[in-house]
């Protein structure tokens, strides 16, 4: 998992610190997608904004997923803050050192949303795996049980834990044997 995180961070750094826009001058590398959306009636500027935001979300989602897999479960509540901090640092680096790149608050939001989505997916997967490995005796109720259901569950537990004498038990009177 750590090796995968290292590869992801290296790739993320390459995309963030690439000297020119990743989509090429004037969106040349995504021209086919812009044309496809234009044929569906979406104006070029709106299409570009949607593609850019979706790409930012997709770029940062694996980071949230990997970080929640690597960190202790108790740190999960900090992951949205970590996502905002990493995104802000990325945009600040672009602003300070890469004059060809455009730093924007919309990118910070899209990156943080992607990071948070990845963390939520990771938390859901982790919770599912945790529940699966706990076994059938540790089921977690999704909602509070009614009084009748609680009484029935307690009765079932009591019945399951009460030993039942076998027919060959030595405690049976000898006259009935």
Protein backbone atom coordinates (compact mmCIF):
# COMPACT_ATOMS: atom_id res chain seq x y z
CA UNK A 1 0.00 0.00 0.00
CA UNK A 2 2.87 2.36 0.77
CA UNK A 3 4.44 1.71 -2.64
CA UNK A 4 1.13 2.55 -4.32
CA UNK A 5 0.92 5.77 -2.31
CA UNK A 6 4.46 6.72 -3.38
CA UNK A 7 3.59 6.16 -7.04
CA UNK A 8 0.40 8.22 -6.63
CA UNK A 9 2.23 11.11 -4.92
CA UNK A 10 4.90 11.13 -7.64
CA UNK A 11 2.23 11.23 -10.35
CA UNK A 12 0.27 13.92 -8.53
CA UNK A 13 3.39 16.05 -8.11
CA UNK A 14 4.18 15.67 -11.82
CA UNK A 15 0.70 16.84 -12.82
CA UNK A 16 0.63 19.70 -10.29
CA UNK A 17 4.14 20.94 -11.05
CA UNK A 18 4.06 20.44 -14.84
CA UNK A 19 5.32 23.72 -16.32
CA UNK A 20 2.41 24.13 -18.75
CA UNK A 21 -1.28 23.36 -18.53
CA UNK A 22 -1.77 19.62 -18.56
CA UNK A 23 -4.55 19.88 -21.15
CA UNK A 24 -2.17 21.66 -23.53
CA UNK A 25 -2.28 25.19 -24.94
CA UNK A 26 -5.90 26.22 -25.36
CA UNK A 27 -7.12 22.78 -24.34
CA UNK A 28 -5.51 21.08 -27.37
CA UNK A 29 -5.27 17.68 -25.65
CA UNK A 30 -8.97 17.61 -24.80
CA UNK A 31 -10.24 19.17 -28.03
CA UNK A 32 -12.06 15.97 -28.99
CA UNK A 33 -14.00 16.02 -25.71
CA UNK A 34 -14.84 19.71 -26.07
CA UNK A 35 -16.12 19.04 -29.60
CA UNK A 36 -18.20 16.12 -28.36
CA UNK A 37 -19.83 18.28 -25.70
CA UNK A 38 -20.33 21.12 -28.20
CA UNK A 39 -22.22 18.71 -30.47
CA UNK A 40 -24.51 18.03 -27.50
CA UNK A 41 -25.24 21.76 -27.20
CA UNK A 42 -22.83 22.68 -24.38
CA UNK A 43 -20.89 25.89 -24.98
CA UNK A 44 -17.11 25.54 -25.06
CA UNK A 45 -16.36 27.54 -21.90
CA UNK A 46 -18.91 25.67 -19.76
CA UNK A 47 -17.67 22.35 -21.14
CA UNK A 48 -14.08 23.26 -20.34
CA UNK A 49 -14.98 24.26 -16.77
CA UNK A 50 -16.87 21.00 -16.19
CA UNK A 51 -14.03 18.90 -17.63
CA UNK A 52 -11.43 20.75 -15.57
CA UNK A 53 -13.39 20.37 -12.33
CA UNK A 54 -14.10 16.69 -12.99
CA UNK A 55 -10.43 16.09 -13.74
CA UNK A 56 -9.42 17.79 -10.47
CA UNK A 57 -11.90 15.66 -8.51
CA UNK A 58 -10.62 12.50 -10.23
CA UNK A 59 -6.99 13.50 -9.63
CA UNK A 60 -7.38 13.95 -5.86
CA UNK A 61 -9.88 11.15 -5.07
CA UNK A 62 -7.20 8.42 -4.98
CA UNK A 63 -5.27 10.50 -2.44
CA UNK A 64 -8.15 10.44 0.02
CA UNK A 65 -8.68 6.74 -0.57
CA UNK A 66 -5.02 5.89 -0.05
CA UNK A 67 -4.61 8.11 3.00
CA UNK A 68 -7.59 6.63 4.81
CA UNK A 69 -6.19 3.16 4.09
CA UNK A 70 -2.81 4.13 5.53
CA UNK A 71 -3.90 6.11 8.58
CA UNK A 72 -5.50 5.02 11.81
CA UNK A 73 -9.30 4.97 11.75
CA UNK A 74 -9.45 7.77 14.34
CA UNK A 75 -7.81 10.21 11.88
CA UNK A 76 -10.61 9.92 9.31
CA UNK A 77 -12.32 13.11 10.48
CA UNK A 78 -9.23 15.16 9.57
CA UNK A 79 -9.10 14.01 5.97
CA UNK A 80 -11.26 16.82 4.50
CA UNK A 81 -8.97 19.34 6.23
CA UNK A 82 -5.94 17.52 4.82
CA UNK A 83 -7.55 17.64 1.37
CA UNK A 84 -8.08 21.41 1.58
CA UNK A 85 -4.52 21.93 2.86
CA UNK A 86 -2.94 19.81 0.10
CA UNK A 87 -5.06 21.46 -2.56
CA UNK A 88 -4.23 24.93 -1.29
CA UNK A 89 -0.52 24.06 -1.25
CA UNK A 90 -0.74 22.77 -4.83
CA UNK A 91 -2.46 25.91 -6.11
CA UNK A 92 -0.06 28.12 -4.16
CA UNK A 93 2.92 26.32 -5.71
CA UNK A 94 1.45 26.87 -9.16
CA UNK A 95 0.84 30.53 -8.41
CA UNK A 96 4.34 31.17 -7.04
CA UNK A 97 6.52 29.07 -9.34
CA UNK A 98 4.62 28.27 -12.54
CA UNK A 99 3.62 31.41 -14.47
CA UNK A 100 2.01 29.34 -17.27
CA UNK A 101 -0.39 27.69 -14.81
CA UNK A 102 -3.51 29.30 -13.40
CA UNK A 103 -4.16 28.93 -9.68
CA UNK A 104 -7.83 29.24 -8.76
CA UNK A 105 -10.11 28.85 -5.77
CA UNK A 106 -12.40 26.67 -7.93
CA UNK A 107 -9.51 24.22 -8.29
CA UNK A 108 -8.96 24.20 -4.51
CA UNK A 109 -12.63 23.32 -4.00
CA UNK A 110 -12.67 20.63 -6.71
CA UNK A 111 -9.45 19.08 -5.42
CA UNK A 112 -10.73 19.05 -1.83
CA UNK A 113 -14.05 17.54 -2.94
CA UNK A 114 -12.17 14.81 -4.81
CA UNK A 115 -9.96 14.09 -1.81
CA UNK A 116 -13.00 13.92 0.48
CA UNK A 117 -14.91 11.65 -1.92
CA UNK A 118 -11.92 9.31 -2.00
CA UNK A 119 -11.75 9.32 1.80
CA UNK A 120 -15.49 8.59 2.09
CA UNK A 121 -15.22 5.70 -0.36
CA UNK A 122 -12.25 4.37 1.60
CA UNK A 123 -14.14 4.71 4.89
CA UNK A 124 -17.15 2.87 3.45
CA UNK A 125 -14.94 0.06 2.15
CA UNK A 126 -13.13 -0.13 5.48
CA UNK A 127 -16.38 -0.25 7.44
CA UNK A 128 -17.72 -2.99 5.18
CA UNK A 129 -14.58 -5.06 5.57
CA UNK A 130 -14.58 -4.52 9.34
CA UNK A 131 -18.19 -5.64 9.59
CA UNK A 132 -17.51 -8.65 7.37
CA UNK A 133 -14.56 -9.84 9.47
CA UNK A 134 -16.29 -9.46 12.82
CA UNK A 135 -18.52 -12.43 12.07
CA UNK A 136 -22.23 -13.13 12.47
CA UNK A 137 -22.29 -12.74 16.24
CA UNK A 138 -21.30 -9.09 16.03
CA UNK A 139 -23.91 -7.69 13.70
CA UNK A 140 -24.48 -3.98 14.05
CA UNK A 141 -28.08 -2.80 13.99
CA UNK A 142 -28.75 -0.01 11.50
CA UNK A 143 -31.61 1.44 13.53
CA UNK A 144 -32.78 1.19 17.14
CA UNK A 145 -34.83 -1.94 17.80
CA UNK A 146 -38.41 -1.83 19.05
CA UNK A 147 -39.14 -3.07 22.57
CA UNK A 148 -40.55 -6.33 21.15
CA UNK A 149 -37.49 -6.91 18.97
CA UNK A 150 -35.16 -6.15 21.88
CA UNK A 151 -37.01 -8.63 24.13
CA UNK A 152 -36.96 -11.30 21.40
CA UNK A 153 -33.23 -10.80 20.84
CA UNK A 154 -32.53 -11.07 24.59
CA UNK A 155 -34.63 -14.23 24.77
CA UNK A 156 -32.75 -15.74 21.81
CA UNK A 157 -29.42 -14.92 23.44
CA UNK A 158 -30.51 -16.48 26.73
CA UNK A 159 -31.76 -19.61 24.97
CA UNK A 160 -28.52 -19.92 23.04
CA UNK A 161 -26.40 -19.64 26.18
CA UNK A 162 -28.44 -22.02 28.38
CA UNK A 163 -27.04 -25.56 28.33
CA UNK A 164 -29.49 -28.26 27.34
CA UNK A 165 -29.04 -31.64 29.11
CA UNK A 166 -28.55 -34.57 26.76
CA UNK A 167 -30.65 -37.72 26.93
CA UNK A 168 -27.69 -39.76 28.19
CA UNK A 169 -26.92 -37.41 31.04
CA UNK A 170 -26.00 -38.98 34.36
CA UNK A 171 -28.26 -36.53 36.16
CA UNK A 172 -31.42 -38.30 35.09
CA UNK A 173 -32.93 -40.52 37.77
CA UNK A 174 -31.99 -44.17 37.43
CA UNK A 175 -35.63 -45.23 37.65
CA UNK A 176 -36.38 -43.55 34.32
CA UNK A 177 -33.52 -45.24 32.51
